[in-house]
Each structure stands twice: as C-alpha cells, then as structure tokens.
N, C-alpha and C. Protein backbone atom coordinates (compact mmCIF):
# COMPACT_ATOMS: atom_id res chain seq x y z
N UNK A 1 24.67 162.45 302.55
CA UNK A 1 23.09 163.83 302.50
C UNK A 1 23.46 164.99 302.85
N UNK A 2 23.76 165.26 304.05
CA UNK A 2 24.44 166.69 303.82
C UNK A 2 24.52 167.51 303.31
N UNK A 3 25.38 166.41 302.59
CA UNK A 3 26.08 168.40 300.69
C UNK A 3 24.10 168.15 300.36
N UNK A 4 23.54 167.57 300.30
CA UNK A 4 22.20 167.27 299.07
C UNK A 4 21.58 167.60 299.38
N UNK A 5 22.00 168.57 301.44
CA UNK A 5 20.54 168.92 302.43
C UNK A 5 20.77 170.21 301.77
N UNK A 6 21.90 171.25 302.01
CA UNK A 6 22.85 171.80 302.14
C UNK A 6 22.66 172.57 300.26
N UNK A 7 22.38 171.69 299.11
CA UNK A 7 22.05 171.28 297.64
C UNK A 7 21.13 172.39 297.90
N UNK A 8 19.79 171.24 298.56
CA UNK A 8 18.24 171.40 298.27
C UNK A 8 18.08 173.16 298.91
N UNK A 9 18.98 172.73 299.78
CA UNK A 9 17.81 174.58 300.94
C UNK A 9 18.24 175.70 299.70
N UNK A 10 19.42 175.20 299.19
CA UNK A 10 19.55 176.30 298.05
C UNK A 10 19.03 176.80 297.46
N UNK A 11 19.28 175.25 296.73
CA UNK A 11 18.40 175.43 296.01
C UNK A 11 16.47 175.92 295.79
N UNK A 12 16.39 175.79 297.13
CA UNK A 12 14.64 176.31 297.50
C UNK A 12 13.51 175.06 296.65
N UNK A 13 14.66 172.97 297.10
CA UNK A 13 13.68 172.42 296.87
C UNK A 13 13.53 171.48 298.15
N UNK A 14 13.74 170.87 297.60
CA UNK A 14 13.55 169.30 298.50
C UNK A 14 14.05 168.44 298.23
N UNK A 15 15.29 167.82 298.72
CA UNK A 15 16.41 166.45 298.80
C UNK A 15 16.49 166.04 297.32
N UNK A 16 14.92 165.35 297.18
CA UNK A 16 14.76 164.65 296.29
C UNK A 16 14.41 164.71 295.28
N UNK A 17 14.40 166.60 294.93
CA UNK A 17 14.35 167.17 294.08
C UNK A 17 15.42 168.32 293.98
N UNK A 18 16.31 168.13 293.94
CA UNK A 18 17.63 168.58 294.33
C UNK A 18 18.28 168.71 292.76
N UNK A 19 18.79 166.83 292.30
CA UNK A 19 19.22 166.50 291.54
C UNK A 19 18.83 167.39 289.95
N UNK A 20 17.77 167.18 289.29
CA UNK A 20 16.24 167.89 288.88
C UNK A 20 16.79 169.44 289.44
N UNK A 21 16.56 170.02 289.87
CA UNK A 21 16.79 171.88 290.01
C UNK A 21 18.59 171.37 289.81
N UNK A 22 19.08 170.94 289.71
CA UNK A 22 20.72 171.83 289.93
C UNK A 22 20.15 171.09 287.62
N UNK A 23 20.46 170.61 287.48
CA UNK A 23 20.53 170.55 286.30
C UNK A 23 19.72 171.63 284.96
N UNK A 24 18.26 172.04 285.40
CA UNK A 24 17.89 172.96 285.11
C UNK A 24 18.67 174.43 284.87
N UNK A 25 19.31 174.69 286.77
CA UNK A 25 19.54 175.63 286.69
C UNK A 25 21.27 175.83 285.21
N UNK A 26 21.88 174.29 285.80
CA UNK A 26 22.29 174.56 284.16
C UNK A 26 22.27 175.01 283.26
N UNK A 27 21.09 174.02 282.79
CA UNK A 27 20.96 174.15 281.51
C UNK A 27 20.87 176.46 281.30
N UNK A 28 20.17 176.52 282.48
CA UNK A 28 19.73 177.55 281.97
C UNK A 28 20.74 179.02 281.80
N UNK A 29 22.50 178.39 283.21
CA UNK A 29 22.96 179.02 282.52
C UNK A 29 23.77 179.39 281.32
N UNK A 30 23.90 177.91 280.87
CA UNK A 30 24.36 177.41 279.24
C UNK A 30 23.21 177.89 278.33
N UNK A 31 21.96 178.15 278.23
CA UNK A 31 21.37 179.10 277.10
C UNK A 31 21.13 180.53 278.32
N UNK A 32 21.90 180.97 278.92
CA UNK A 32 21.62 182.05 279.28
C UNK A 32 23.25 182.83 278.61
N UNK A 33 24.94 182.40 278.27
CA UNK A 33 25.25 181.74 278.21
C UNK A 33 25.41 181.98 276.58
N UNK A 34 25.44 180.91 276.03
CA UNK A 34 24.49 181.52 274.78
C UNK A 34 23.69 182.94 273.80
N UNK A 35 23.20 183.25 274.75
CA UNK A 35 22.29 184.26 274.00
C UNK A 35 23.28 185.12 274.95
N UNK A 36 24.06 185.47 276.27
CA UNK A 36 24.92 186.52 275.78
C UNK A 36 26.33 186.20 275.08
N UNK A 37 26.40 185.26 273.94
CA UNK A 37 27.80 185.25 272.76
C UNK A 37 26.77 185.75 272.09
N UNK A 38 25.88 185.27 271.45
CA UNK A 38 25.17 185.57 270.29
C UNK A 38 24.71 187.31 270.16
N UNK A 39 24.36 188.17 271.11
CA UNK A 39 23.94 189.45 271.37
C UNK A 39 25.51 190.02 271.41
N UNK A 40 26.99 189.23 271.83
CA UNK A 40 27.88 190.32 271.67
C UNK A 40 28.27 190.53 270.83
N UNK A 41 27.84 188.87 269.43
CA UNK A 41 28.01 189.83 268.51
C UNK A 41 27.69 190.33 267.08
N UNK A 42 26.21 189.97 268.30
CA UNK A 42 25.79 191.58 267.62
C UNK A 42 26.63 192.72 267.10
N UNK A 43 26.15 193.29 268.96
CA UNK A 43 26.87 193.96 269.25
C UNK A 43 28.50 194.86 268.31
N UNK A 44 29.27 193.56 268.48
CA UNK A 44 30.59 193.84 267.50
C UNK A 44 30.57 193.67 266.16
N UNK A 45 29.50 193.16 265.60
CA UNK A 45 29.27 193.25 263.91
C UNK A 45 28.36 194.68 264.12
N UNK A 46 28.17 194.59 264.71
CA UNK A 46 27.47 197.26 264.39
C UNK A 46 28.10 197.64 264.61
N UNK A 47 29.26 197.43 265.52
CA UNK A 47 30.28 198.32 266.13
C UNK A 47 31.72 198.53 264.59
N UNK A 48 31.86 197.03 264.63
CA UNK A 48 32.62 196.85 263.17
C UNK A 48 32.24 197.88 261.72
N UNK A 49 31.40 197.88 262.19
CA UNK A 49 30.20 198.39 260.47
C UNK A 49 30.84 199.73 261.01
N UNK A 50 30.49 200.74 262.31
CA UNK A 50 30.59 202.28 262.83
C UNK A 50 32.65 202.23 262.87
N UNK A 51 32.85 201.26 262.73
CA UNK A 51 34.63 201.21 262.84
C UNK A 51 34.78 201.95 261.32
N UNK A 52 34.12 200.82 260.42
CA UNK A 52 34.65 200.15 258.91
C UNK A 52 34.68 201.68 258.14
N UNK A 53 32.93 201.99 258.42
CA UNK A 53 33.07 203.47 258.02
C UNK A 53 34.11 204.95 257.40
N UNK A 54 34.30 204.62 258.83
CA UNK A 54 35.21 205.67 259.99
C UNK A 54 35.89 205.31 258.90
N UNK A 55 36.55 204.89 258.17
CA UNK A 55 37.83 204.13 258.14
C UNK A 55 38.65 204.89 256.90
N UNK A 56 39.89 204.95 256.75
CA UNK A 56 40.33 206.23 255.84
C UNK A 56 41.86 205.73 255.05
N UNK A 57 41.39 205.68 254.27
CA UNK A 57 42.67 205.29 253.21
C UNK A 57 42.44 203.49 253.72
N UNK A 58 41.18 203.33 253.52
CA UNK A 58 41.24 201.49 254.20
C UNK A 58 41.46 201.55 255.04
N UNK A 59 42.24 202.09 256.10
CA UNK A 59 43.15 202.31 257.95
C UNK A 59 42.07 202.00 258.84
N UNK A 60 41.36 201.93 259.79
CA UNK A 60 41.01 201.97 261.01
C UNK A 60 41.65 202.06 262.88
N UNK A 61 41.65 202.82 263.04
CA UNK A 61 42.46 202.54 264.28
C UNK A 61 41.16 203.61 265.51
N UNK A 62 41.32 202.86 266.56
CA UNK A 62 40.80 203.16 267.41
C UNK A 62 40.91 202.74 269.25
N UNK A 63 40.33 203.43 269.40
CA UNK A 63 40.26 202.76 270.81
C UNK A 63 38.66 202.91 271.31
N UNK A 64 39.05 201.17 272.15
CA UNK A 64 37.94 201.00 272.90
C UNK A 64 37.73 200.56 274.23
N UNK A 65 38.16 201.17 274.97
CA UNK A 65 38.34 200.47 275.83
C UNK A 65 36.63 200.13 277.08
N UNK A 66 37.23 198.40 278.09
CA UNK A 66 36.19 198.29 278.55
C UNK A 66 36.22 196.81 277.72
N UNK A 67 37.60 196.40 277.13
CA UNK A 67 37.60 195.13 276.41
C UNK A 67 38.55 194.11 276.47
N UNK A 68 39.04 193.08 276.91
CA UNK A 68 40.19 192.50 277.06
C UNK A 68 40.67 192.46 275.82
N UNK A 69 41.92 191.66 275.40
CA UNK A 69 42.53 190.83 274.68
C UNK A 69 41.63 190.24 273.40
N UNK A 70 41.40 189.92 273.66
CA UNK A 70 39.99 188.68 273.23
C UNK A 70 39.16 189.74 272.19
N UNK A 71 38.20 190.39 273.55
CA UNK A 71 36.79 190.47 272.36
C UNK A 71 37.65 192.31 272.11
N UNK A 72 39.01 192.98 272.40
CA UNK A 72 39.30 193.45 271.28
C UNK A 72 39.28 192.83 270.05
N UNK A 73 40.57 191.37 270.21
CA UNK A 73 40.14 190.84 268.67
C UNK A 73 39.26 190.26 268.08
N UNK A 74 38.65 189.96 268.83
CA UNK A 74 36.76 189.85 268.26
C UNK A 74 37.04 191.00 267.32
N UNK A 75 36.44 192.05 267.44
CA UNK A 75 35.73 193.24 266.40
C UNK A 75 37.22 193.76 266.11
N UNK A 76 38.50 193.89 266.16
CA UNK A 76 39.11 194.12 264.83
C UNK A 76 39.01 192.95 263.84
N UNK A 77 38.71 191.41 263.61
CA UNK A 77 39.17 190.16 263.25
C UNK A 77 37.52 191.13 262.57
N UNK A 78 36.17 191.26 262.84
CA UNK A 78 34.87 192.06 262.69
C UNK A 78 35.37 193.43 261.49
N UNK A 79 35.76 193.94 261.89
CA UNK A 79 36.53 194.75 260.85
C UNK A 79 36.84 194.90 259.56
N UNK A 80 37.71 194.12 260.07
CA UNK A 80 38.92 193.37 258.81
C UNK A 80 38.64 192.69 257.55
N UNK A 81 36.76 191.94 258.71
CA UNK A 81 35.98 191.42 257.80
C UNK A 81 35.67 192.41 255.56
N UNK A 82 35.08 194.22 256.15
CA UNK A 82 34.10 194.15 255.55
C UNK A 82 34.74 195.33 254.53
N UNK A 83 34.68 195.18 253.80
CA UNK A 83 34.83 195.63 252.01
C UNK A 83 35.61 197.04 252.50
N UNK A 84 37.12 196.74 252.15
CA UNK A 84 37.96 198.39 251.74
C UNK A 84 38.05 198.36 252.88
N UNK A 85 38.78 197.95 254.21
CA UNK A 85 39.77 197.71 255.26
C UNK A 85 40.42 196.10 255.13
N UNK A 86 41.29 197.48 254.46
CA UNK A 86 42.80 196.86 255.17
C UNK A 86 43.41 196.75 256.17
N UNK A 87 43.68 196.91 256.92
CA UNK A 87 44.36 197.80 258.40
C UNK A 87 43.51 198.10 259.41
N UNK A 88 43.41 197.88 259.74
CA UNK A 88 42.89 197.72 261.52
C UNK A 88 43.93 197.10 262.64
N UNK A 89 43.90 198.43 263.86
CA UNK A 89 44.23 198.52 264.78
C UNK A 89 43.78 199.42 266.08
N UNK A 90 43.19 198.38 267.17
CA UNK A 90 42.34 198.26 267.76
C UNK A 90 43.43 198.24 269.66
N UNK A 91 43.14 199.97 270.11
CA UNK A 91 43.93 200.28 271.34
C UNK A 91 42.43 200.69 272.50
N UNK A 92 42.68 199.44 273.59
CA UNK A 92 42.13 200.25 275.07
C UNK A 92 42.42 199.89 276.61
N UNK A 93 42.21 200.01 277.45
CA UNK A 93 42.29 199.47 278.67
C UNK A 93 40.97 198.60 278.68
N UNK A 94 41.69 197.17 279.97
CA UNK A 94 40.10 196.90 280.11
C UNK A 94 39.83 197.34 280.99
N UNK A 95 40.92 197.60 282.37
CA UNK A 95 40.56 197.67 283.61
C UNK A 95 40.60 199.18 284.58
N UNK A 96 41.92 200.09 282.85
CA UNK A 96 41.88 201.38 283.74
C UNK A 96 43.58 201.69 284.06
N UNK A 97 44.01 200.25 284.17
CA UNK A 97 45.71 200.23 283.88
C UNK A 97 45.86 199.79 282.89
N UNK A 98 46.03 198.13 282.82
CA UNK A 98 46.72 197.91 281.68
C UNK A 98 46.11 198.64 280.34
N UNK A 99 46.56 198.06 278.91
CA UNK A 99 46.75 198.57 277.54
C UNK A 99 46.76 198.05 276.95
N UNK A 100 45.49 197.30 275.65
CA UNK A 100 46.46 195.98 274.83
C UNK A 100 46.21 196.83 273.64
N UNK A 101 46.72 195.85 272.49
CA UNK A 101 46.98 196.22 271.19
C UNK A 101 46.55 195.01 270.84
N UNK A 102 45.25 195.05 269.51
CA UNK A 102 45.01 194.26 268.32
C UNK A 102 45.43 195.28 266.41
N UNK A 103 46.44 194.17 266.20
CA UNK A 103 46.19 195.12 264.89
C UNK A 103 45.74 193.20 264.27
N UNK A 104 45.00 193.91 262.50
CA UNK A 104 44.66 193.02 261.87
C UNK A 104 44.63 193.71 260.03
N UNK A 105 45.41 192.39 259.95
CA UNK A 105 46.35 193.47 258.60
C UNK A 105 45.12 192.87 257.34
N UNK A 106 44.46 193.63 256.83
CA UNK A 106 44.57 191.68 255.90
C UNK A 106 45.37 191.34 254.24
N UNK A 107 44.79 190.62 253.85
CA UNK A 107 46.45 189.68 253.34
C UNK A 107 47.44 190.67 252.30
N UNK A 108 48.81 190.67 252.54
CA UNK A 108 49.80 191.59 251.35
C UNK A 108 49.43 192.87 252.42
N UNK A 109 48.81 193.22 252.98
CA UNK A 109 48.80 194.88 253.62
C UNK A 109 50.10 194.61 254.16
N UNK A 110 51.14 193.90 254.83
CA UNK A 110 52.48 193.69 256.02
C UNK A 110 52.45 192.72 256.53
N UNK A 111 52.94 193.08 258.00
CA UNK A 111 53.15 191.75 258.80
C UNK A 111 52.03 192.90 260.17
N UNK A 112 51.82 192.38 260.81
CA UNK A 112 50.71 192.88 261.75
C UNK A 112 51.31 192.09 263.07
N UNK A 113 52.14 191.39 263.46
CA UNK A 113 53.69 191.46 264.71
C UNK A 113 55.16 192.44 264.59
N UNK A 114 55.08 193.05 264.01
CA UNK A 114 56.07 193.33 263.34
C UNK A 114 55.07 195.04 263.90
N UNK A 115 53.49 195.50 263.44
CA UNK A 115 53.46 196.88 263.22
C UNK A 115 53.76 195.97 265.40
N UNK A 116 53.51 195.60 265.87
CA UNK A 116 53.35 194.75 267.10
C UNK A 116 54.46 194.97 267.86
N UNK A 117 55.57 194.71 267.95
CA UNK A 117 56.67 194.53 268.36
C UNK A 117 56.66 196.27 268.45
N UNK A 118 56.82 197.19 267.14
CA UNK A 118 56.54 198.19 266.86
C UNK A 118 55.75 199.60 268.20
N UNK A 119 54.70 198.77 268.54
CA UNK A 119 54.02 199.92 269.58
C UNK A 119 53.98 199.62 270.50
N UNK A 120 54.12 198.28 271.24
CA UNK A 120 53.90 198.22 273.08
C UNK A 120 54.86 198.52 273.15
N UNK A 121 55.76 198.96 272.98
CA UNK A 121 56.84 199.46 273.71
C UNK A 121 56.17 201.02 274.59
N UNK A 122 55.44 201.90 273.64
CA UNK A 122 54.86 203.07 274.43
C UNK A 122 54.53 202.29 274.87
N UNK A 123 53.18 201.31 275.15
CA UNK A 123 52.46 201.11 276.28
C UNK A 123 52.92 200.25 277.22
N UNK A 124 54.34 199.90 278.17
CA UNK A 124 55.16 199.86 278.23
C UNK A 124 54.76 198.36 278.82
N UNK A 125 54.94 197.68 276.98
CA UNK A 125 54.84 196.33 277.30
C UNK A 125 55.64 195.59 276.10
N UNK A 126 54.84 194.36 275.62
CA UNK A 126 56.13 193.98 274.36
C UNK A 126 54.85 192.64 273.58
N UNK A 127 54.57 192.36 272.54
CA UNK A 127 53.89 191.18 272.15
C UNK A 127 53.96 191.39 270.26
N UNK A 128 52.79 190.93 269.86
CA UNK A 128 53.59 190.69 267.88
C UNK A 128 52.23 188.70 268.07
N UNK A 129 53.03 188.22 267.21
CA UNK A 129 51.80 186.81 266.50
C UNK A 129 52.83 186.22 265.49
N UNK A 130 53.02 184.66 265.55
CA UNK A 130 53.20 185.03 264.41
C UNK A 130 52.30 184.64 262.53
N UNK A 131 51.01 184.71 263.02
CA UNK A 131 50.21 184.56 262.13
C UNK A 131 50.60 186.84 261.51
N UNK A 132 50.99 186.83 259.71
CA UNK A 132 51.22 188.12 259.79
C UNK A 132 50.37 189.10 259.31
N UNK A 133 49.09 188.30 259.75
CA UNK A 133 47.75 189.35 259.31
C UNK A 133 47.07 189.52 260.52
N UNK A 134 48.09 188.77 261.28
CA UNK A 134 46.24 188.97 263.68
C UNK A 134 47.32 189.08 264.17
N UNK A 135 47.91 190.62 265.31
CA UNK A 135 49.14 190.19 266.78
C UNK A 135 48.40 190.41 266.89
N UNK A 136 48.98 190.50 268.90
CA UNK A 136 48.55 190.90 269.70
C UNK A 136 49.91 191.36 271.07
N UNK A 137 48.83 192.66 271.78
CA UNK A 137 50.16 193.49 272.26
C UNK A 137 49.71 193.30 273.68
N UNK A 138 50.33 193.28 274.80
CA UNK A 138 50.10 193.75 276.59
C UNK A 138 50.31 195.67 277.03
N UNK A 139 50.53 196.18 277.57
CA UNK A 139 51.27 197.08 278.06
C UNK A 139 50.08 197.40 279.32
N UNK A 140 51.14 197.89 280.80
CA UNK A 140 51.41 197.71 282.01
C UNK A 140 50.68 199.12 281.77
N UNK A 141 50.59 200.42 281.38
CA UNK A 141 50.75 201.45 280.85
C UNK A 141 49.66 202.41 280.08
N UNK A 142 48.38 201.67 280.69
CA UNK A 142 47.13 202.88 279.88
C UNK A 142 47.41 203.73 279.57
N UNK A 143 47.57 205.01 280.18
CA UNK A 143 48.28 206.32 280.90
C UNK A 143 48.66 206.65 278.74
N UNK A 144 49.25 205.68 278.19
CA UNK A 144 49.34 206.09 277.34
C UNK A 144 49.17 205.53 275.42
N UNK A 145 47.52 204.91 276.24
CA UNK A 145 47.41 204.18 274.91
C UNK A 145 46.97 205.77 274.05
N UNK A 146 46.53 206.75 274.63
CA UNK A 146 46.74 207.51 272.86
C UNK A 146 47.84 207.82 272.17
N UNK A 147 49.01 208.12 272.59
CA UNK A 147 49.39 208.00 272.00
C UNK A 147 50.47 207.44 271.38
N UNK A 148 50.28 206.04 272.13
CA UNK A 148 50.53 205.04 270.93
C UNK A 148 49.88 204.82 269.83
N UNK A 149 47.95 205.65 270.05
CA UNK A 149 47.49 205.20 268.94
C UNK A 149 48.08 206.17 267.81
N UNK A 150 48.23 206.76 267.74
CA UNK A 150 49.30 208.19 267.25
C UNK A 150 50.04 207.43 266.38
N UNK A 151 50.98 206.69 266.90
CA UNK A 151 51.74 205.65 266.47
C UNK A 151 51.74 204.62 265.71
N UNK A 152 49.94 204.10 266.18
CA UNK A 152 49.76 202.98 264.88
C UNK A 152 49.08 203.16 263.22
N UNK A 153 48.35 204.90 263.70
CA UNK A 153 48.09 205.15 263.27
C UNK A 153 49.00 205.34 261.86
N UNK A 154 50.26 205.94 262.02
CA UNK A 154 51.03 206.79 261.21
C UNK A 154 51.89 205.04 260.48
N UNK A 155 51.81 203.82 261.51
CA UNK A 155 52.79 202.52 261.09
C UNK A 155 51.28 201.42 260.31
N UNK A 156 50.52 202.53 260.31
CA UNK A 156 49.48 201.78 259.63
C UNK A 156 48.73 202.37 257.90
N UNK A 157 49.80 203.54 258.52
CA UNK A 157 48.86 204.93 256.85
C UNK A 157 49.80 204.10 255.64
N UNK A 158 48.57 203.80 254.66
CA UNK A 158 50.02 203.32 253.26
C UNK A 158 50.61 204.67 253.08
C-alpha cells in the first residue's frame, strides 16, 4: 500500500483513484506518441518533396543533421518514392560527433550497399546492407560529412 500511496501522491489523486489515473495517463501518452509520429510523417513528406525538387538527373544528395539513422532512412525512403528520383544519399550527424549515411536507390539503379561501403570509411565507419536498394552506415567522424557528401554525389551520379 505504500507504493500505491506514493503513486497516488505523484498523480495527485486519492489512492483508490490511482489505477484509473494511471490508465488515463498511459492513454494520453499513447495518443501523444501517435500524434508525434503523424506530425513527423507530415514533416518528412514535406522535406521529401523539397529534396526531390532539388534532384539533379534523378539524384538527391543532402545533409540533414539532428536526425538519427532511422529518421534519415525514413526520409530517404520518402524521397525515393517521388517520381523521377532514382537515387538518394542522405548524411548527417545526430549529435555533432557521429555521422550517419543512408543510400536509397530505385530498382535497377545500382547497389546501395556497395555505395555505402565505399563512402562509410570517409566518416570513420562502416556499413552496408543486403537489400541492393537500401543501405545504412555510421561513422565516428562528423567533421568529414561534407567531404563524404561530395564523394557520395560522384558515386550516385550517372
């Protein structure tokens, strides 16, 4: 009962109301997370359209800091879905120290894993993937992202 009283105090309700208050809090948390994911998807769709509009010969290469590899992957896949885009290479640093790379290619546009393996050493890392259309890599040297982006642009250009 001491635990229940602590919970009730933290939730600012009586001990008999604590279970319901906790359920309401959990549901609110789930709803907030759903709303966050929906908002993130809309932001990614807008960013994907912006990036795709800047494609050169169907190739998009860009830096997007502040996103982890998973977020870069989602964005790269969204860009790849835009008509006319055949190759996407995104890099960024989620934390100012490490670097992330995602390569997303349309069917028949090459081997994303081979591209990632070629570029990853430039940022002090490695990576790849079994899917020839999608590869990710990480590295320890965010200071070399701009240099790696130039190499990535060359690797993806027709």
